[in-house]
């Protein structure tokens, strides 16, 4: 009897943020092929006799604990196990349909005539906004939400066709490690250099860090652990008393001084 592949969103990392459907499918899986960012607490939900394989790639690095792997091999593993009648879970961090290479894997499964089902998960933008205490849209200041990536296969710049940059929230996935490039492209796309931004590292996890700053500060951010997401726009303006670390933790000393010394002129001079 042929098997089936479930492409499951693992959400931001906490097991209690999985959908009920995702947890049930994971418990019933015989084979779990998971991304590198999927947490041990989620993998622990799989059956004790399930075969669990790390097929993750981090920041373009195709080496994991299992050795070298590429997308074609991941596709082949899904098909191979399904054709042997196994219940396969392809477990992806966040939501499979948002920068998760879902299209490539669906193409492979369709060509191989392998049955599949997509189980959505909480995507990074939603998780990061919730933990930072902000909204992604607001009828007073953000009439649009643009989900973009700092990395793409063609090397294209960030673009904002048909959008008003001043009334749009940008959720930038994989914004680093070159935050200078990300900031410049946002400015070139029409985002004001003084626009508020919030940089969230490891959203929804115990080691989460949330840093509110301006777009002008972003190029100098350092020590930001992956995975990270950047939210740009008026919705990212820090409310007095809101939780979050001071921008100085991510900025070099020359910019981590008092507000009077951290002038726009100084920051623009360093960018030149």
C-alpha atoms as a PDB file:
ATOM      1  CA  UNK A   1       0.000   0.000   0.000  1.00  0.00           C
ATOM      2  CA  UNK A   2       1.542   3.359  -0.987  1.00  0.00           C
ATOM      3  CA  UNK A   3       2.448   5.778   1.751  1.00  0.00           C
ATOM      4  CA  UNK A   4       1.797   9.471   2.081  1.00  0.00           C
ATOM      5  CA  UNK A   5       3.878  12.566   2.767  1.00  0.00           C
ATOM      6  CA  UNK A   6       2.650  15.220   5.174  1.00  0.00           C
ATOM      7  CA  UNK A   7       4.432  18.560   4.768  1.00  0.00           C
ATOM      8  CA  UNK A   8       4.061  19.944   8.264  1.00  0.00           C
ATOM      9  CA  UNK A   9       4.745  23.375   9.730  1.00  0.00           C
ATOM     10  CA  UNK A  10       6.534  23.127  13.076  1.00  0.00           C
ATOM     11  CA  UNK A  11       5.955  26.782  13.917  1.00  0.00           C
ATOM     12  CA  UNK A  12       8.553  28.919  15.719  1.00  0.00           C
ATOM     13  CA  UNK A  13       9.807  26.153  18.010  1.00  0.00           C
ATOM     14  CA  UNK A  14       7.515  25.672  20.999  1.00  0.00           C
ATOM     15  CA  UNK A  15       5.564  22.432  20.949  1.00  0.00           C
ATOM     16  CA  UNK A  16       2.480  24.152  22.343  1.00  0.00           C
ATOM     17  CA  UNK A  17       2.315  26.360  19.246  1.00  0.00           C
ATOM     18  CA  UNK A  18       1.871  23.353  16.947  1.00  0.00           C
ATOM     19  CA  UNK A  19      -1.586  22.908  15.483  1.00  0.00           C
ATOM     20  CA  UNK A  20      -3.560  19.942  16.816  1.00  0.00           C
ATOM     21  CA  UNK A  21      -3.408  18.450  13.308  1.00  0.00           C
ATOM     22  CA  UNK A  22       0.387  18.815  13.136  1.00  0.00           C
ATOM     23  CA  UNK A  23       0.872  17.085  16.505  1.00  0.00           C
ATOM     24  CA  UNK A  24      -1.401  14.190  15.529  1.00  0.00           C
ATOM     25  CA  UNK A  25       0.329  13.638  12.191  1.00  0.00           C
ATOM     26  CA  UNK A  26       3.756  13.786  13.829  1.00  0.00           C
ATOM     27  CA  UNK A  27       2.788  11.174  16.437  1.00  0.00           C
ATOM     28  CA  UNK A  28       1.608   8.829  13.671  1.00  0.00           C
ATOM     29  CA  UNK A  29       4.683   9.252  11.459  1.00  0.00           C
ATOM     30  CA  UNK A  30       6.987   6.363  10.687  1.00  0.00           C
ATOM     31  CA  UNK A  31       9.620   8.598   9.078  1.00  0.00           C
ATOM     32  CA  UNK A  32      10.338  12.230  10.009  1.00  0.00           C
ATOM     33  CA  UNK A  33      12.554  14.326   7.739  1.00  0.00           C
ATOM     34  CA  UNK A  34      13.108  17.572   9.621  1.00  0.00           C
ATOM     35  CA  UNK A  35      14.740  20.946   9.141  1.00  0.00           C
ATOM     36  CA  UNK A  36      17.724  21.892  11.273  1.00  0.00           C
ATOM     37  CA  UNK A  37      15.752  24.546  13.176  1.00  0.00           C
ATOM     38  CA  UNK A  38      13.053  22.177  14.429  1.00  0.00           C
ATOM     39  CA  UNK A  39      13.445  21.930  18.200  1.00  0.00           C
ATOM     40  CA  UNK A  40      14.042  18.745  20.235  1.00  0.00           C
ATOM     41  CA  UNK A  41      10.773  19.262  22.145  1.00  0.00           C
ATOM     42  CA  UNK A  42       8.811  18.986  18.913  1.00  0.00           C
ATOM     43  CA  UNK A  43      10.781  15.975  17.680  1.00  0.00           C
ATOM     44  CA  UNK A  44      10.057  14.315  21.038  1.00  0.00           C
ATOM     45  CA  UNK A  45       6.392  14.083  20.009  1.00  0.00           C
ATOM     46  CA  UNK A  46       7.234  11.494  17.351  1.00  0.00           C
ATOM     47  CA  UNK A  47       6.699   7.823  18.107  1.00  0.00           C
ATOM     48  CA  UNK A  48       9.664   6.092  19.805  1.00  0.00           C
ATOM     49  CA  UNK A  49      10.138   3.776  16.817  1.00  0.00           C
ATOM     50  CA  UNK A  50       9.907   6.521  14.170  1.00  0.00           C
ATOM     51  CA  UNK A  51      12.947   7.067  11.991  1.00  0.00           C
ATOM     52  CA  UNK A  52      14.051  10.677  12.472  1.00  0.00           C
ATOM     53  CA  UNK A  53      16.455  12.227   9.957  1.00  0.00           C
ATOM     54  CA  UNK A  54      17.897  15.762  10.019  1.00  0.00           C
ATOM     55  CA  UNK A  55      17.867  17.060   6.447  1.00  0.00           C
ATOM     56  CA  UNK A  56      18.289  20.730   7.343  1.00  0.00           C
ATOM     57  CA  UNK A  57      20.390  23.393   5.665  1.00  0.00           C
ATOM     58  CA  UNK A  58      21.333  26.559   7.575  1.00  0.00           C
ATOM     59  CA  UNK A  59      22.179  29.833   5.814  1.00  0.00           C
ATOM     60  CA  UNK A  60      23.236  28.084   2.630  1.00  0.00           C
ATOM     61  CA  UNK A  61      25.350  25.567   4.520  1.00  0.00           C
ATOM     62  CA  UNK A  62      24.372  22.154   3.200  1.00  0.00           C
ATOM     63  CA  UNK A  63      26.204  20.224   5.897  1.00  0.00           C
ATOM     64  CA  UNK A  64      24.341  18.825   8.875  1.00  0.00           C
ATOM     65  CA  UNK A  65      24.894  16.050  11.374  1.00  0.00           C
ATOM     66  CA  UNK A  66      24.049  13.529   8.660  1.00  0.00           C
ATOM     67  CA  UNK A  67      26.698  14.864   6.252  1.00  0.00           C
ATOM     68  CA  UNK A  68      26.139  16.521   2.872  1.00  0.00           C
ATOM     69  CA  UNK A  69      22.588  16.864   1.556  1.00  0.00           C
ATOM     70  CA  UNK A  70      20.794  18.891  -1.095  1.00  0.00           C
ATOM     71  CA  UNK A  71      17.214  19.536  -2.116  1.00  0.00           C
ATOM     72  CA  UNK A  72      17.166  16.794  -4.739  1.00  0.00           C
ATOM     73  CA  UNK A  73      18.218  14.255  -2.112  1.00  0.00           C
ATOM     74  CA  UNK A  74      15.496  15.462   0.279  1.00  0.00           C
ATOM     75  CA  UNK A  75      12.932  15.023  -2.495  1.00  0.00           C
ATOM     76  CA  UNK A  76      14.251  11.546  -3.214  1.00  0.00           C
ATOM     77  CA  UNK A  77      14.049  10.532   0.456  1.00  0.00           C
ATOM     78  CA  UNK A  78      10.394  11.590   0.698  1.00  0.00           C
ATOM     79  CA  UNK A  79       9.493   9.642  -2.432  1.00  0.00           C
ATOM     80  CA  UNK A  80      11.548   6.565  -1.506  1.00  0.00           C
ATOM     81  CA  UNK A  81       9.953   6.156   1.918  1.00  0.00           C
ATOM     82  CA  UNK A  82       6.428   6.898   0.668  1.00  0.00           C
ATOM     83  CA  UNK A  83       6.714   4.293  -2.093  1.00  0.00           C
ATOM     84  CA  UNK A  84       7.566   1.748   0.575  1.00  0.00           C
ATOM     85  CA  UNK A  85       4.297   2.403   2.301  1.00  0.00           C
ATOM     86  CA  UNK A  86       5.620   4.646   5.066  1.00  0.00           C
ATOM     87  CA  UNK A  87       3.791   7.534   6.693  1.00  0.00           C
ATOM     88  CA  UNK A  88       6.275  10.343   6.082  1.00  0.00           C
ATOM     89  CA  UNK A  89       6.385  13.751   7.756  1.00  0.00           C
ATOM     90  CA  UNK A  90       8.472  16.463   6.117  1.00  0.00           C
ATOM     91  CA  UNK A  91       8.782  18.748   9.130  1.00  0.00           C
ATOM     92  CA  UNK A  92       9.593  22.393   8.414  1.00  0.00           C
ATOM     93  CA  UNK A  93      10.218  25.284  10.769  1.00  0.00           C
ATOM     94  CA  UNK A  94       7.503  27.939  10.664  1.00  0.00           C
ATOM     95  CA  UNK A  95       4.978  27.497   7.870  1.00  0.00           C
ATOM     96  CA  UNK A  96       5.902  25.300   4.876  1.00  0.00           C
ATOM     97  CA  UNK A  97       4.393  27.755   2.390  1.00  0.00           C
ATOM     98  CA  UNK A  98       6.449  30.763   3.515  1.00  0.00           C
ATOM     99  CA  UNK A  99      10.050  30.599   2.248  1.00  0.00           C
ATOM    100  CA  UNK A 100      10.120  26.874   2.982  1.00  0.00           C
ATOM    101  CA  UNK A 101      10.879  25.495  -0.509  1.00  0.00           C
ATOM    102  CA  UNK A 102       7.428  23.958  -0.487  1.00  0.00           C
ATOM    103  CA  UNK A 103       6.975  24.465  -4.225  1.00  0.00           C
ATOM    104  CA  UNK A 104      10.047  22.410  -5.101  1.00  0.00           C
ATOM    105  CA  UNK A 105       8.970  19.535  -2.887  1.00  0.00           C
ATOM    106  CA  UNK A 106       5.387  19.593  -4.163  1.00  0.00           C
ATOM    107  CA  UNK A 107       6.648  19.451  -7.752  1.00  0.00           C
ATOM    108  CA  UNK A 108       8.729  16.369  -6.933  1.00  0.00           C
ATOM    109  CA  UNK A 109       5.853  14.594  -5.157  1.00  0.00           C
ATOM    110  CA  UNK A 110       3.404  15.348  -7.968  1.00  0.00           C
ATOM    111  CA  UNK A 111       5.781  14.095 -10.648  1.00  0.00           C
ATOM    112  CA  UNK A 112       6.303  10.899  -8.641  1.00  0.00           C
ATOM    113  CA  UNK A 113       2.518  10.516  -8.129  1.00  0.00           C
ATOM    114  CA  UNK A 114       2.992  10.400  -4.347  1.00  0.00           C
ATOM    115  CA  UNK A 115       0.043  11.404  -2.170  1.00  0.00           C
ATOM    116  CA  UNK A 116       0.637  14.405   0.067  1.00  0.00           C
ATOM    117  CA  UNK A 117      -1.044  16.790   2.482  1.00  0.00           C
ATOM    118  CA  UNK A 118       0.053  20.244   3.677  1.00  0.00           C
ATOM    119  CA  UNK A 119      -0.363  21.056   7.370  1.00  0.00           C
ATOM    120  CA  UNK A 120       0.225  24.782   8.006  1.00  0.00           C
ATOM    121  CA  UNK A 121       2.181  26.184  10.914  1.00  0.00           C
ATOM    122  CA  UNK A 122       2.663  29.493  12.703  1.00  0.00           C
ATOM    123  CA  UNK A 123       5.012  31.489  10.502  1.00  0.00           C
ATOM    124  CA  UNK A 124       7.931  33.508  11.868  1.00  0.00           C
ATOM    125  CA  UNK A 125       6.387  36.922  11.196  1.00  0.00           C
ATOM    126  CA  UNK A 126       3.307  36.144  13.294  1.00  0.00           C
ATOM    127  CA  UNK A 127       5.338  34.545  16.080  1.00  0.00           C
ATOM    128  CA  UNK A 128       7.845  37.402  16.191  1.00  0.00           C
ATOM    129  CA  UNK A 129       5.189  40.111  16.222  1.00  0.00           C
ATOM    130  CA  UNK A 130       3.286  38.385  19.020  1.00  0.00           C
ATOM    131  CA  UNK A 131       6.311  37.920  21.229  1.00  0.00           C
ATOM    132  CA  UNK A 132       7.444  41.512  20.584  1.00  0.00           C
ATOM    133  CA  UNK A 133       4.019  42.796  21.606  1.00  0.00           C
ATOM    134  CA  UNK A 134       3.230  44.461  18.283  1.00  0.00           C
ATOM    135  CA  UNK A 135       0.752  44.077  15.451  1.00  0.00           C
ATOM    136  CA  UNK A 136       1.709  43.462  11.826  1.00  0.00           C
ATOM    137  CA  UNK A 137      -1.082  45.673  10.522  1.00  0.00           C
ATOM    138  CA  UNK A 138      -2.860  48.677  11.962  1.00  0.00           C
ATOM    139  CA  UNK A 139      -5.611  50.621  10.239  1.00  0.00           C
ATOM    140  CA  UNK A 140      -4.055  53.909  11.357  1.00  0.00           C
ATOM    141  CA  UNK A 141      -0.530  53.272  10.107  1.00  0.00           C
ATOM    142  CA  UNK A 142      -0.156  50.058   8.088  1.00  0.00           C
ATOM    143  CA  UNK A 143      -2.650  49.166   5.369  1.00  0.00           C
ATOM    144  CA  UNK A 144      -0.430  46.477   3.814  1.00  0.00           C
ATOM    145  CA  UNK A 145       1.906  43.689   4.901  1.00  0.00           C
ATOM    146  CA  UNK A 146       4.813  42.648   2.675  1.00  0.00           C
ATOM    147  CA  UNK A 147       6.560  39.380   3.490  1.00  0.00           C
ATOM    148  CA  UNK A 148       9.968  39.420   1.835  1.00  0.00           C
ATOM    149  CA  UNK A 149      13.297  37.661   2.158  1.00  0.00           C
ATOM    150  CA  UNK A 150      16.790  39.045   2.479  1.00  0.00           C
ATOM    151  CA  UNK A 151      18.058  36.114   0.375  1.00  0.00           C
ATOM    152  CA  UNK A 152      16.698  34.751  -2.878  1.00  0.00           C
ATOM    153  CA  UNK A 153      17.982  32.445  -5.593  1.00  0.00           C
ATOM    154  CA  UNK A 154      18.372  35.258  -8.155  1.00  0.00           C
ATOM    155  CA  UNK A 155      20.002  37.771  -5.844  1.00  0.00           C
ATOM    156  CA  UNK A 156      17.245  40.315  -6.550  1.00  0.00           C
ATOM    157  CA  UNK A 157      16.949  43.423  -4.391  1.00  0.00           C
ATOM    158  CA  UNK A 158      13.986  44.061  -2.107  1.00  0.00           C
ATOM    159  CA  UNK A 159      11.227  45.744  -4.092  1.00  0.00           C
ATOM    160  CA  UNK A 160       7.913  47.397  -3.215  1.00  0.00           C
ATOM    161  CA  UNK A 161       5.869  47.503  -6.455  1.00  0.00           C
ATOM    162  CA  UNK A 162       2.476  49.104  -5.961  1.00  0.00           C
ATOM    163  CA  UNK A 163       2.977  49.621  -2.215  1.00  0.00           C
ATOM    164  CA  UNK A 164       3.236  52.816  -0.204  1.00  0.00           C
ATOM    165  CA  UNK A 165       6.431  52.209   1.825  1.00  0.00           C
ATOM    166  CA  UNK A 166       5.246  54.609   4.532  1.00  0.00           C
ATOM    167  CA  UNK A 167       2.024  52.657   5.136  1.00  0.00           C
ATOM    168  CA  UNK A 168       3.410  49.160   4.734  1.00  0.00           C
ATOM    169  CA  UNK A 169       4.810  46.751   7.282  1.00  0.00           C
ATOM    170  CA  UNK A 170       7.752  44.748   5.968  1.00  0.00           C
ATOM    171  CA  UNK A 171       8.447  41.358   7.527  1.00  0.00           C
ATOM    172  CA  UNK A 172      11.923  40.441   6.328  1.00  0.00           C
ATOM    173  CA  UNK A 173      12.878  36.788   6.665  1.00  0.00           C
ATOM    174  CA  UNK A 174      16.595  35.957   6.808  1.00  0.00           C
ATOM    175  CA  UNK A 175      17.599  39.643   7.060  1.00  0.00           C
ATOM    176  CA  UNK A 176      21.245  38.962   7.960  1.00  0.00           C
ATOM    177  CA  UNK A 177      24.074  38.555   8.353  1.00  0.00           C
ATOM    178  CA  UNK A 178      24.578  41.545   6.008  1.00  0.00           C
ATOM    179  CA  UNK A 179      22.224  44.002   7.720  1.00  0.00           C
ATOM    180  CA  UNK A 180      23.849  46.861   5.841  1.00  0.00           C
ATOM    181  CA  UNK A 181      22.589  45.403   2.550  1.00  0.00           C
ATOM    182  CA  UNK A 182      19.107  44.856   3.953  1.00  0.00           C
ATOM    183  CA  UNK A 183      18.888  48.407   5.322  1.00  0.00           C
ATOM    184  CA  UNK A 184      20.161  49.986   2.105  1.00  0.00           C
ATOM    185  CA  UNK A 185      17.693  48.056  -0.060  1.00  0.00           C
ATOM    186  CA  UNK A 186      14.790  49.037   2.176  1.00  0.00           C
ATOM    187  CA  UNK A 187      15.841  52.691   1.961  1.00  0.00           C
ATOM    188  CA  UNK A 188      16.230  52.423  -1.810  1.00  0.00           C
ATOM    189  CA  UNK A 189      12.725  50.966  -1.943  1.00  0.00           C
ATOM    190  CA  UNK A 190      11.413  54.114  -0.294  1.00  0.00           C
ATOM    191  CA  UNK A 191      11.358  53.254   3.404  1.00  0.00           C
ATOM    192  CA  UNK A 192      12.283  56.266   5.540  1.00  0.00           C
ATOM    193  CA  UNK A 193      15.740  55.986   7.096  1.00  0.00           C
ATOM    194  CA  UNK A 194      14.289  56.824  10.519  1.00  0.00           C
ATOM    195  CA  UNK A 195      11.558  54.190  10.301  1.00  0.00           C
ATOM    196  CA  UNK A 196      11.266  52.088  13.467  1.00  0.00           C
ATOM    197  CA  UNK A 197      12.282  48.453  13.201  1.00  0.00           C
ATOM    198  CA  UNK A 198      12.345  45.513  15.565  1.00  0.00           C
ATOM    199  CA  UNK A 199      14.847  42.697  15.169  1.00  0.00           C
ATOM    200  CA  UNK A 200      13.781  39.430  16.782  1.00  0.00           C
ATOM    201  CA  UNK A 201      16.178  36.522  17.231  1.00  0.00           C
ATOM    202  CA  UNK A 202      14.837  33.003  17.978  1.00  0.00           C
ATOM    203  CA  UNK A 203      11.213  34.157  18.166  1.00  0.00           C
ATOM    204  CA  UNK A 204       9.090  32.152  20.559  1.00  0.00           C
ATOM    205  CA  UNK A 205      12.013  30.288  22.112  1.00  0.00           C
ATOM    206  CA  UNK A 206      13.610  30.473  25.546  1.00  0.00           C
ATOM    207  CA  UNK A 207      16.636  32.330  24.132  1.00  0.00           C
ATOM    208  CA  UNK A 208      14.614  34.949  22.234  1.00  0.00           C
ATOM    209  CA  UNK A 209      16.027  38.465  21.958  1.00  0.00           C
ATOM    210  CA  UNK A 210      13.964  41.442  20.850  1.00  0.00           C
ATOM    211  CA  UNK A 211      15.668  44.687  19.885  1.00  0.00           C
ATOM    212  CA  UNK A 212      13.870  47.895  18.898  1.00  0.00           C
ATOM    213  CA  UNK A 213      15.895  50.412  16.866  1.00  0.00           C
ATOM    214  CA  UNK A 214      15.694  52.601  13.770  1.00  0.00           C
ATOM    215  CA  UNK A 215      16.464  51.552  10.215  1.00  0.00           C
ATOM    216  CA  UNK A 216      19.597  53.718  10.381  1.00  0.00           C
ATOM    217  CA  UNK A 217      20.866  51.614  13.290  1.00  0.00           C
ATOM    218  CA  UNK A 218      20.260  48.299  11.547  1.00  0.00           C
ATOM    219  CA  UNK A 219      23.466  48.175   9.429  1.00  0.00           C
ATOM    220  CA  UNK A 220      25.516  48.137  12.621  1.00  0.00           C
ATOM    221  CA  UNK A 221      23.650  45.318  14.349  1.00  0.00           C
ATOM    222  CA  UNK A 222      25.916  42.442  15.323  1.00  0.00           C
ATOM    223  CA  UNK A 223      25.797  39.279  17.380  1.00  0.00           C
ATOM    224  CA  UNK A 224      22.297  38.412  16.215  1.00  0.00           C
ATOM    225  CA  UNK A 225      21.783  34.671  16.448  1.00  0.00           C
ATOM    226  CA  UNK A 226      19.832  32.867  13.717  1.00  0.00           C
ATOM    227  CA  UNK A 227      17.005  32.425  13.101  1.00  0.00           C
ATOM    228  CA  UNK A 228      16.116  36.100  13.010  1.00  0.00           C
ATOM    229  CA  UNK A 229      13.320  38.156  11.510  1.00  0.00           C
ATOM    230  CA  UNK A 230      13.073  41.895  10.955  1.00  0.00           C
ATOM    231  CA  UNK A 231       9.819  43.849  11.170  1.00  0.00           C
ATOM    232  CA  UNK A 232       9.943  47.319   9.624  1.00  0.00           C
ATOM    233  CA  UNK A 233       7.365  50.093   9.792  1.00  0.00           C
ATOM    234  CA  UNK A 234       5.371  52.237  12.161  1.00  0.00           C
ATOM    235  CA  UNK A 235       3.948  49.159  13.897  1.00  0.00           C
ATOM    236  CA  UNK A 236       7.484  48.400  15.123  1.00  0.00           C
ATOM    237  CA  UNK A 237       7.739  51.605  17.133  1.00  0.00           C
ATOM    238  CA  UNK A 238       8.488  50.681  20.721  1.00  0.00           C
ATOM    239  CA  UNK A 239       5.785  51.503  23.235  1.00  0.00           C
ATOM    240  CA  UNK A 240       7.132  52.920  26.538  1.00  0.00           C
ATOM    241  CA  UNK A 241       7.462  50.086  29.022  1.00  0.00           C
ATOM    242  CA  UNK A 242       7.358  47.371  26.338  1.00  0.00           C
ATOM    243  CA  UNK A 243       9.683  44.455  26.939  1.00  0.00           C
ATOM    244  CA  UNK A 244      12.793  44.117  24.814  1.00  0.00           C
ATOM    245  CA  UNK A 245      16.518  44.572  25.135  1.00  0.00           C
ATOM    246  CA  UNK A 246      18.223  47.896  24.596  1.00  0.00           C
ATOM    247  CA  UNK A 247      19.591  48.472  21.102  1.00  0.00           C
ATOM    248  CA  UNK A 248      23.056  48.866  22.634  1.00  0.00           C
ATOM    249  CA  UNK A 249      23.383  45.080  22.972  1.00  0.00           C
ATOM    250  CA  UNK A 250      23.416  44.701  19.193  1.00  0.00           C
ATOM    251  CA  UNK A 251      25.276  47.928  18.294  1.00  0.00           C
ATOM    252  CA  UNK A 252      28.985  48.898  18.387  1.00  0.00           C
ATOM    253  CA  UNK A 253      30.152  51.302  21.140  1.00  0.00           C
ATOM    254  CA  UNK A 254      30.281  54.344  18.832  1.00  0.00           C
ATOM    255  CA  UNK A 255      26.537  53.978  18.300  1.00  0.00           C
ATOM    256  CA  UNK A 256      25.636  52.651  21.719  1.00  0.00           C
ATOM    257  CA  UNK A 257      26.077  55.988  23.473  1.00  0.00           C
ATOM    258  CA  UNK A 258      23.409  58.456  24.537  1.00  0.00           C
ATOM    259  CA  UNK A 259      20.695  59.487  22.106  1.00  0.00           C
ATOM    260  CA  UNK A 260      22.386  62.881  21.708  1.00  0.00           C
ATOM    261  CA  UNK A 261      25.593  61.287  20.435  1.00  0.00           C
ATOM    262  CA  UNK A 262      23.854  58.676  18.275  1.00  0.00           C
ATOM    263  CA  UNK A 263      22.848  61.293  15.701  1.00  0.00           C
ATOM    264  CA  UNK A 264      21.611  60.587  12.185  1.00  0.00           C
ATOM    265  CA  UNK A 265      24.651  62.431  10.838  1.00  0.00           C
ATOM    266  CA  UNK A 266      27.071  60.121  12.641  1.00  0.00           C
ATOM    267  CA  UNK A 267      25.258  57.006  11.456  1.00  0.00           C
ATOM    268  CA  UNK A 268      25.102  58.202   7.867  1.00  0.00           C
ATOM    269  CA  UNK A 269      28.805  59.062   7.980  1.00  0.00           C
ATOM    270  CA  UNK A 270      29.609  55.499   9.057  1.00  0.00           C
ATOM    271  CA  UNK A 271      27.440  54.128   6.251  1.00  0.00           C
ATOM    272  CA  UNK A 272      29.227  56.182   3.595  1.00  0.00           C
END
